Amino acid sequence: MSCTLKILSGPEANQEFTLAGGESFVGRSQRCSVRLTSPSISYEHAVITREADDYFIENLSANGTYVNNERINARTRLRSKDQIRLSPEVAARVTSVPATAKNSSTRRVLVILIAMMLVCGIILIELDPFSGSSTADWNKAYSALQDFAQQESNGRDLPRDAAPLLRDAWLYEMSKDRPAASQAWVRLHVLLSDKNDKYGIESLAANNRRALGHLLDPQQKNPELTQDDFYKAALLQFVMQMERRK
């Protein structure tokens, strides 16, 4: 969308100038996009520059340029309905200007966040441990992961505290003590997701998102992983799903 200026007073009163982009000079010069003929206007009085979806005006004249009755000393962003005074007899108004880049960026971020929330919602519905799915067996998945954690909790393949913390979190979950269960799942998540990913669990879980799905429902496609890597990925995904429960 372009920026449009309407001249309010002076020889060109009621004329409108549309500025498409780049640099648009205002003044009496023939190269000016907004060419004015009043002797009170400098040869190149001001310049309006487009950057992304923003338009900025900068004074080039010793006579000064005013935006909303304030003399500008630096580049000033233009908004719709801003009044620009170039001399005592020449004034203009910004009649249209695009939404700012900041607002456009904010809208894009909101759209992305909404999309991510929808995707996460779908995943949580599909993998809800208490959804009553006839194919997803969360108890069986827990048992397999607990056995794996117990075998591998030697400080080299899994953190030493992984197995007991997994057991405690599941017991809290089964007793419906959600506050205690939630804290235990968070602690286990932090333990498994070491900041340096020492055990490689976080990268495995991120790159093999169907590991837990296969553990819950063996009919689903089996990720092409070694058995240890498969269980590591499924373990962290299991913990994350439990952690997100309300």
C-alpha atoms as a PDB file:
ATOM      1  CA  MET A   1       0.000   0.000   0.000  1.00  0.00           C
ATOM      2  CA  SER A   2       1.295   3.466  -0.885  1.00  0.00           C
ATOM      3  CA  CYS A   3       1.322   6.711   1.078  1.00  0.00           C
ATOM      4  CA  THR A   4      -0.950   9.520  -0.127  1.00  0.00           C
ATOM      5  CA  LEU A   5      -0.512  13.224   0.597  1.00  0.00           C
ATOM      6  CA  LYS A   6      -3.260  15.792   0.048  1.00  0.00           C
ATOM      7  CA  ILE A   7      -2.196  19.422  -0.265  1.00  0.00           C
ATOM      8  CA  LEU A   8      -4.361  21.545   2.016  1.00  0.00           C
ATOM      9  CA  SER A   9      -3.140  25.028   1.148  1.00  0.00           C
ATOM     10  CA  GLY A  10      -0.936  26.792  -1.383  1.00  0.00           C
ATOM     11  CA  PRO A  11      -1.011  26.861  -5.205  1.00  0.00           C
ATOM     12  CA  GLU A  12      -1.514  23.083  -5.388  1.00  0.00           C
ATOM     13  CA  ALA A  13      -4.363  22.979  -2.825  1.00  0.00           C
ATOM     14  CA  ASN A  14      -6.610  19.880  -3.093  1.00  0.00           C
ATOM     15  CA  GLN A  15      -4.111  17.983  -5.250  1.00  0.00           C
ATOM     16  CA  GLU A  16      -3.139  14.496  -4.090  1.00  0.00           C
ATOM     17  CA  PHE A  17       0.240  12.836  -4.529  1.00  0.00           C
ATOM     18  CA  THR A  18       0.756   9.085  -4.217  1.00  0.00           C
ATOM     19  CA  LEU A  19       4.174   7.923  -3.047  1.00  0.00           C
ATOM     20  CA  ALA A  20       4.898   4.338  -4.059  1.00  0.00           C
ATOM     21  CA  GLY A  21       8.197   3.755  -2.285  1.00  0.00           C
ATOM     22  CA  GLY A  22      11.897   4.494  -2.130  1.00  0.00           C
ATOM     23  CA  GLU A  23      12.739   8.183  -1.756  1.00  0.00           C
ATOM     24  CA  SER A  24      10.167  10.813  -2.712  1.00  0.00           C
ATOM     25  CA  PHE A  25      11.390  14.416  -2.622  1.00  0.00           C
ATOM     26  CA  VAL A  26       9.098  17.333  -1.803  1.00  0.00           C
ATOM     27  CA  GLY A  27       9.914  20.764  -3.245  1.00  0.00           C
ATOM     28  CA  ARG A  28      10.190  22.927  -6.362  1.00  0.00           C
ATOM     29  CA  SER A  29      12.763  20.745  -8.155  1.00  0.00           C
ATOM     30  CA  GLN A  30      11.665  18.931 -11.305  1.00  0.00           C
ATOM     31  CA  ARG A  31      12.806  15.643  -9.801  1.00  0.00           C
ATOM     32  CA  CYS A  32      10.476  16.029  -6.827  1.00  0.00           C
ATOM     33  CA  SER A  33       7.649  13.509  -6.636  1.00  0.00           C
ATOM     34  CA  VAL A  34       5.614  16.094  -4.731  1.00  0.00           C
ATOM     35  CA  ARG A  35       6.325  19.151  -6.867  1.00  0.00           C
ATOM     36  CA  LEU A  36       5.148  22.452  -5.401  1.00  0.00           C
ATOM     37  CA  THR A  37       5.402  25.891  -6.982  1.00  0.00           C
ATOM     38  CA  SER A  38       5.139  28.239  -4.005  1.00  0.00           C
ATOM     39  CA  PRO A  39       8.241  30.486  -3.681  1.00  0.00           C
ATOM     40  CA  SER A  40       8.185  29.755   0.060  1.00  0.00           C
ATOM     41  CA  ILE A  41       9.126  26.143  -0.633  1.00  0.00           C
ATOM     42  CA  SER A  42      12.783  25.171  -0.971  1.00  0.00           C
ATOM     43  CA  TYR A  43      14.182  23.571  -4.111  1.00  0.00           C
ATOM     44  CA  GLU A  44      14.301  20.255  -2.240  1.00  0.00           C
ATOM     45  CA  HIS A  45      12.388  20.942   0.925  1.00  0.00           C
ATOM     46  CA  ALA A  46      11.935  17.452   2.425  1.00  0.00           C
ATOM     47  CA  VAL A  47      12.249  13.799   1.556  1.00  0.00           C
ATOM     48  CA  ILE A  48       9.821  10.996   2.360  1.00  0.00           C
ATOM     49  CA  THR A  49      11.351   7.503   2.493  1.00  0.00           C
ATOM     50  CA  ARG A  50       9.658   4.145   2.591  1.00  0.00           C
ATOM     51  CA  GLU A  51      11.182   1.353   4.691  1.00  0.00           C
ATOM     52  CA  ALA A  52       9.177  -1.877   4.666  1.00  0.00           C
ATOM     53  CA  ASP A  53       5.645  -0.682   5.534  1.00  0.00           C
ATOM     54  CA  ASP A  54       6.773   2.542   7.221  1.00  0.00           C
ATOM     55  CA  TYR A  55       7.114   6.026   5.705  1.00  0.00           C
ATOM     56  CA  PHE A  56       9.487   8.592   7.209  1.00  0.00           C
ATOM     57  CA  ILE A  57       9.808  12.311   6.492  1.00  0.00           C
ATOM     58  CA  GLU A  58      13.061  14.233   6.879  1.00  0.00           C
ATOM     59  CA  ASN A  59      13.573  17.986   6.614  1.00  0.00           C
ATOM     60  CA  LEU A  60      16.088  19.264   4.015  1.00  0.00           C
ATOM     61  CA  SER A  61      15.310  22.980   4.202  1.00  0.00           C
ATOM     62  CA  ALA A  62      16.675  25.798   6.354  1.00  0.00           C
ATOM     63  CA  ASN A  63      13.070  26.995   6.570  1.00  0.00           C
ATOM     64  CA  GLY A  64      12.086  23.849   8.427  1.00  0.00           C
ATOM     65  CA  THR A  65       9.371  21.216   8.174  1.00  0.00           C
ATOM     66  CA  TYR A  66       6.649  20.724  10.760  1.00  0.00           C
ATOM     67  CA  VAL A  67       4.628  17.601  11.562  1.00  0.00           C
ATOM     68  CA  ASN A  68       1.522  18.265  13.644  1.00  0.00           C
ATOM     69  CA  ASN A  69       2.856  21.759  14.420  1.00  0.00           C
ATOM     70  CA  GLU A  70       6.181  20.481  15.751  1.00  0.00           C
ATOM     71  CA  ARG A  71       9.406  21.225  13.901  1.00  0.00           C
ATOM     72  CA  ILE A  72      11.215  17.990  13.088  1.00  0.00           C
ATOM     73  CA  ASN A  73      14.962  17.662  13.582  1.00  0.00           C
ATOM     74  CA  ALA A  74      15.271  14.014  12.602  1.00  0.00           C
ATOM     75  CA  ARG A  75      13.498  11.410  10.531  1.00  0.00           C
ATOM     76  CA  THR A  76       9.914  11.156  11.706  1.00  0.00           C
ATOM     77  CA  ARG A  77       7.507   8.317  10.993  1.00  0.00           C
ATOM     78  CA  LEU A  78       4.297   9.380   9.294  1.00  0.00           C
ATOM     79  CA  ARG A  79       0.888   8.192  10.388  1.00  0.00           C
ATOM     80  CA  SER A  80      -2.512   8.562   8.804  1.00  0.00           C
ATOM     81  CA  LYS A  81      -4.001  12.045   9.342  1.00  0.00           C
ATOM     82  CA  ASP A  82      -0.628  13.619  10.210  1.00  0.00           C
ATOM     83  CA  GLN A  83      -0.448  17.251   9.084  1.00  0.00           C
ATOM     84  CA  ILE A  84       2.742  18.467   7.425  1.00  0.00           C
ATOM     85  CA  ARG A  85       3.506  22.214   7.237  1.00  0.00           C
ATOM     86  CA  LEU A  86       6.244  23.206   4.805  1.00  0.00           C
ATOM     87  CA  SER A  87       5.833  26.981   4.964  1.00  0.00           C
ATOM     88  CA  PRO A  88       3.323  29.525   6.308  1.00  0.00           C
ATOM     89  CA  GLU A  89       1.220  29.098   3.185  1.00  0.00           C
ATOM     90  CA  VAL A  90       1.725  25.421   2.260  1.00  0.00           C
ATOM     91  CA  ALA A  91       0.417  22.488   4.280  1.00  0.00           C
ATOM     92  CA  ALA A  92      -0.464  18.878   3.508  1.00  0.00           C
ATOM     93  CA  ARG A  93      -2.130  15.942   5.211  1.00  0.00           C
ATOM     94  CA  VAL A  94      -1.312  12.251   5.137  1.00  0.00           C
ATOM     95  CA  THR A  95      -4.584  10.720   3.940  1.00  0.00           C
ATOM     96  CA  SER A  96      -3.417   7.108   3.794  1.00  0.00           C
ATOM     97  CA  VAL A  97      -0.416   5.134   4.965  1.00  0.00           C
ATOM     98  CA  PRO A  98       0.160   1.363   5.371  1.00  0.00           C
ATOM     99  CA  ALA A  99      -0.050  -0.345   8.711  1.00  0.00           C
ATOM    100  CA  THR A 100       3.335  -0.131  10.381  1.00  0.00           C
ATOM    101  CA  ALA A 101       5.852  -2.908   9.981  1.00  0.00           C
ATOM    102  CA  LYS A 102       5.665  -3.455  13.722  1.00  0.00           C
ATOM    103  CA  ASN A 103       1.917  -4.075  13.586  1.00  0.00           C
ATOM    104  CA  SER A 104       2.283  -6.320  10.540  1.00  0.00           C
ATOM    105  CA  SER A 105       5.001  -8.282  12.298  1.00  0.00           C
ATOM    106  CA  THR A 106       2.819  -8.590  15.388  1.00  0.00           C
ATOM    107  CA  ARG A 107      -0.043  -9.952  13.298  1.00  0.00           C
ATOM    108  CA  ARG A 108       2.258 -12.491  11.660  1.00  0.00           C
ATOM    109  CA  VAL A 109       3.537 -13.617  15.075  1.00  0.00           C
ATOM    110  CA  LEU A 110      -0.036 -13.980  16.365  1.00  0.00           C
ATOM    111  CA  VAL A 111      -1.027 -16.063  13.348  1.00  0.00           C
ATOM    112  CA  ILE A 112       2.003 -18.331  13.856  1.00  0.00           C
ATOM    113  CA  LEU A 113       1.274 -18.690  17.581  1.00  0.00           C
ATOM    114  CA  ILE A 114      -2.370 -19.549  16.926  1.00  0.00           C
ATOM    115  CA  ALA A 115      -1.331 -22.150  14.354  1.00  0.00           C
ATOM    116  CA  MET A 116       1.176 -23.660  16.792  1.00  0.00           C
ATOM    117  CA  MET A 117      -1.477 -23.787  19.525  1.00  0.00           C
ATOM    118  CA  LEU A 118      -3.877 -25.590  17.189  1.00  0.00           C
ATOM    119  CA  VAL A 119      -1.221 -28.134  16.226  1.00  0.00           C
ATOM    120  CA  CYS A 120      -0.273 -28.692  19.872  1.00  0.00           C
ATOM    121  CA  GLY A 121      -3.949 -29.088  20.731  1.00  0.00           C
ATOM    122  CA  ILE A 122      -4.384 -31.759  18.083  1.00  0.00           C
ATOM    123  CA  ILE A 123      -1.294 -33.613  19.319  1.00  0.00           C
ATOM    124  CA  LEU A 124      -2.468 -33.481  22.916  1.00  0.00           C
ATOM    125  CA  ILE A 125      -5.900 -34.784  21.945  1.00  0.00           C
ATOM    126  CA  GLU A 126      -4.325 -37.635  20.010  1.00  0.00           C
ATOM    127  CA  LEU A 127      -1.938 -38.492  22.834  1.00  0.00           C
ATOM    128  CA  ASP A 128      -4.054 -37.626  25.859  1.00  0.00           C
ATOM    129  CA  PRO A 129      -3.183 -40.335  28.413  1.00  0.00           C
ATOM    130  CA  PHE A 130      -6.732 -40.316  29.764  1.00  0.00           C
ATOM    131  CA  SER A 131      -8.635 -40.063  26.482  1.00  0.00           C
ATOM    132  CA  GLY A 132      -9.906 -43.627  26.713  1.00  0.00           C
ATOM    133  CA  SER A 133      -8.338 -44.583  23.388  1.00  0.00           C
ATOM    134  CA  SER A 134      -8.735 -48.268  22.606  1.00  0.00           C
ATOM    135  CA  THR A 135      -5.279 -48.454  21.010  1.00  0.00           C
ATOM    136  CA  ALA A 136      -3.125 -46.196  23.210  1.00  0.00           C
ATOM    137  CA  ASP A 137      -1.939 -48.174  26.257  1.00  0.00           C
ATOM    138  CA  TRP A 138      -0.267 -45.658  28.576  1.00  0.00           C
ATOM    139  CA  ASN A 139       0.202 -48.123  31.419  1.00  0.00           C
ATOM    140  CA  LYS A 140       2.044 -50.514  29.135  1.00  0.00           C
ATOM    141  CA  ALA A 141       4.120 -47.632  27.749  1.00  0.00           C
ATOM    142  CA  TYR A 142       5.055 -46.546  31.277  1.00  0.00           C
ATOM    143  CA  SER A 143       6.105 -50.092  32.215  1.00  0.00           C
ATOM    144  CA  ALA A 144       8.346 -50.385  29.154  1.00  0.00           C
ATOM    145  CA  LEU A 145       9.908 -46.987  29.770  1.00  0.00           C
ATOM    146  CA  GLN A 146      10.399 -47.714  33.477  1.00  0.00           C
ATOM    147  CA  ASP A 147      12.216 -50.955  32.674  1.00  0.00           C
ATOM    148  CA  PHE A 148      14.399 -49.129  30.143  1.00  0.00           C
ATOM    149  CA  ALA A 149      15.169 -46.283  32.558  1.00  0.00           C
ATOM    150  CA  GLN A 150      16.042 -48.750  35.308  1.00  0.00           C
ATOM    151  CA  GLN A 151      18.483 -50.593  33.052  1.00  0.00           C
ATOM    152  CA  GLU A 152      20.094 -47.455  31.629  1.00  0.00           C
ATOM    153  CA  SER A 153      20.220 -45.197  34.705  1.00  0.00           C
ATOM    154  CA  ASN A 154      23.928 -45.630  35.146  1.00  0.00           C
ATOM    155  CA  GLY A 155      24.911 -42.010  34.635  1.00  0.00           C
ATOM    156  CA  ARG A 156      26.276 -42.759  31.185  1.00  0.00           C
ATOM    157  CA  ASP A 157      23.224 -43.587  29.053  1.00  0.00           C
ATOM    158  CA  LEU A 158      20.606 -41.905  31.268  1.00  0.00           C
ATOM    159  CA  PRO A 159      20.840 -39.737  34.399  1.00  0.00           C
ATOM    160  CA  ARG A 160      21.065 -41.814  37.574  1.00  0.00           C
ATOM    161  CA  ASP A 161      17.896 -40.284  39.026  1.00  0.00           C
ATOM    162  CA  ALA A 162      15.762 -40.865  35.917  1.00  0.00           C
ATOM    163  CA  ALA A 163      14.259 -44.223  36.949  1.00  0.00           C
ATOM    164  CA  PRO A 164      13.237 -43.313  40.533  1.00  0.00           C
ATOM    165  CA  LEU A 165      11.884 -39.934  39.452  1.00  0.00           C
ATOM    166  CA  LEU A 166       9.871 -41.534  36.642  1.00  0.00           C
ATOM    167  CA  ARG A 167       8.415 -44.032  39.116  1.00  0.00           C
ATOM    168  CA  ASP A 168       7.495 -41.303  41.627  1.00  0.00           C
ATOM    169  CA  ALA A 169       5.893 -39.115  38.964  1.00  0.00           C
ATOM    170  CA  TRP A 170       3.769 -42.006  37.704  1.00  0.00           C
ATOM    171  CA  LEU A 171       2.659 -42.956  41.230  1.00  0.00           C
ATOM    172  CA  TYR A 172       1.576 -39.365  41.860  1.00  0.00           C
ATOM    173  CA  GLU A 173      -0.257 -39.421  38.532  1.00  0.00           C
ATOM    174  CA  MET A 174      -2.091 -42.627  39.353  1.00  0.00           C
ATOM    175  CA  SER A 175      -3.081 -41.305  42.778  1.00  0.00           C
ATOM    176  CA  LYS A 176      -4.479 -38.192  41.055  1.00  0.00           C
ATOM    177  CA  ASP A 177      -2.176 -35.898  43.021  1.00  0.00           C
ATOM    178  CA  ARG A 178      -1.765 -33.462  40.131  1.00  0.00           C
ATOM    179  CA  PRO A 179       0.323 -30.799  41.933  1.00  0.00           C
ATOM    180  CA  ALA A 180       2.905 -33.362  43.048  1.00  0.00           C
ATOM    181  CA  ALA A 181       2.779 -35.180  39.709  1.00  0.00           C
ATOM    182  CA  SER A 182       3.243 -31.966  37.769  1.00  0.00           C
ATOM    183  CA  GLN A 183       6.310 -30.995  39.808  1.00  0.00           C
ATOM    184  CA  ALA A 184       7.803 -34.461  39.366  1.00  0.00           C
ATOM    185  CA  TRP A 185       7.271 -34.435  35.582  1.00  0.00           C
ATOM    186  CA  VAL A 186       8.885 -31.004  35.342  1.00  0.00           C
ATOM    187  CA  ARG A 187      11.908 -32.158  37.368  1.00  0.00           C
ATOM    188  CA  LEU A 188      12.241 -35.236  35.175  1.00  0.00           C
ATOM    189  CA  HIS A 189      11.955 -33.151  32.020  1.00  0.00           C
ATOM    190  CA  VAL A 190      14.723 -30.840  33.226  1.00  0.00           C
ATOM    191  CA  LEU A 191      16.871 -33.823  34.188  1.00  0.00           C
ATOM    192  CA  LEU A 192      16.512 -35.480  30.782  1.00  0.00           C
ATOM    193  CA  SER A 193      16.917 -32.237  28.820  1.00  0.00           C
ATOM    194  CA  ASP A 194      20.373 -31.388  30.105  1.00  0.00           C
ATOM    195  CA  LYS A 195      21.372 -27.937  28.827  1.00  0.00           C
ATOM    196  CA  ASN A 196      24.180 -29.477  26.800  1.00  0.00           C
ATOM    197  CA  ASP A 197      21.973 -32.436  25.754  1.00  0.00           C
ATOM    198  CA  LYS A 198      24.604 -34.716  27.278  1.00  0.00           C
ATOM    199  CA  TYR A 199      22.569 -37.849  26.626  1.00  0.00           C
ATOM    200  CA  GLY A 200      21.241 -36.797  23.207  1.00  0.00           C
ATOM    201  CA  ILE A 201      17.664 -37.292  24.397  1.00  0.00           C
ATOM    202  CA  GLU A 202      16.264 -33.914  23.389  1.00  0.00           C
ATOM    203  CA  SER A 203      17.565 -34.110  19.825  1.00  0.00           C
ATOM    204  CA  LEU A 204      16.271 -37.676  19.461  1.00  0.00           C
ATOM    205  CA  ALA A 205      12.811 -36.674  20.682  1.00  0.00           C
ATOM    206  CA  ALA A 206      12.706 -33.632  18.405  1.00  0.00           C
ATOM    207  CA  ASN A 207      13.801 -35.537  15.300  1.00  0.00           C
ATOM    208  CA  ASN A 208      11.688 -38.672  15.866  1.00  0.00           C
ATOM    209  CA  ARG A 209       8.293 -37.382  16.900  1.00  0.00           C
ATOM    210  CA  ARG A 210       6.424 -40.631  16.287  1.00  0.00           C
ATOM    211  CA  ALA A 211       8.455 -42.701  18.764  1.00  0.00           C
ATOM    212  CA  LEU A 212       5.899 -42.360  21.548  1.00  0.00           C
ATOM    213  CA  GLY A 213       3.045 -42.938  19.117  1.00  0.00           C
ATOM    214  CA  HIS A 214       4.551 -46.275  18.122  1.00  0.00           C
ATOM    215  CA  LEU A 215       5.100 -47.251  21.741  1.00  0.00           C
ATOM    216  CA  LEU A 216       1.457 -46.504  22.520  1.00  0.00           C
ATOM    217  CA  ASP A 217       0.178 -48.177  19.382  1.00  0.00           C
ATOM    218  CA  PRO A 218       2.553 -50.686  17.739  1.00  0.00           C
ATOM    219  CA  GLN A 219       0.465 -50.549  14.568  1.00  0.00           C
ATOM    220  CA  GLN A 220       1.876 -47.097  13.883  1.00  0.00           C
ATOM    221  CA  LYS A 221       5.008 -46.801  11.775  1.00  0.00           C
ATOM    222  CA  ASN A 222       8.136 -47.720  13.699  1.00  0.00           C
ATOM    223  CA  PRO A 223      10.860 -45.026  13.583  1.00  0.00           C
ATOM    224  CA  GLU A 224      14.117 -46.268  12.103  1.00  0.00           C
ATOM    225  CA  LEU A 225      16.122 -46.077  15.331  1.00  0.00           C
ATOM    226  CA  THR A 226      18.196 -48.370  17.477  1.00  0.00           C
ATOM    227  CA  GLN A 227      16.266 -49.724  20.443  1.00  0.00           C
ATOM    228  CA  ASP A 228      18.061 -47.452  22.928  1.00  0.00           C
ATOM    229  CA  ASP A 229      17.501 -44.332  20.823  1.00  0.00           C
ATOM    230  CA  PHE A 230      13.847 -45.264  20.300  1.00  0.00           C
ATOM    231  CA  TYR A 231      13.231 -45.554  24.035  1.00  0.00           C
ATOM    232  CA  LYS A 232      15.128 -42.339  24.776  1.00  0.00           C
ATOM    233  CA  ALA A 233      12.966 -40.401  22.309  1.00  0.00           C
ATOM    234  CA  ALA A 234       9.759 -42.014  23.577  1.00  0.00           C
ATOM    235  CA  LEU A 235      10.722 -41.373  27.209  1.00  0.00           C
ATOM    236  CA  LEU A 236      11.084 -37.623  26.823  1.00  0.00           C
ATOM    237  CA  GLN A 237       7.913 -37.417  24.711  1.00  0.00           C
ATOM    238  CA  PHE A 238       6.063 -39.390  27.384  1.00  0.00           C
ATOM    239  CA  VAL A 239       7.265 -37.014  30.103  1.00  0.00           C
ATOM    240  CA  MET A 240       6.311 -33.944  28.043  1.00  0.00           C
ATOM    241  CA  GLN A 241       2.790 -35.253  27.459  1.00  0.00           C
ATOM    242  CA  MET A 242       2.299 -35.964  31.144  1.00  0.00           C
ATOM    243  CA  GLU A 243       3.754 -32.600  32.069  1.00  0.00           C
ATOM    244  CA  ARG A 244       1.178 -30.804  29.887  1.00  0.00           C
ATOM    245  CA  ARG A 245      -1.807 -32.441  31.524  1.00  0.00           C
ATOM    246  CA  LYS A 246      -4.153 -30.164  33.414  1.00  0.00           C
END
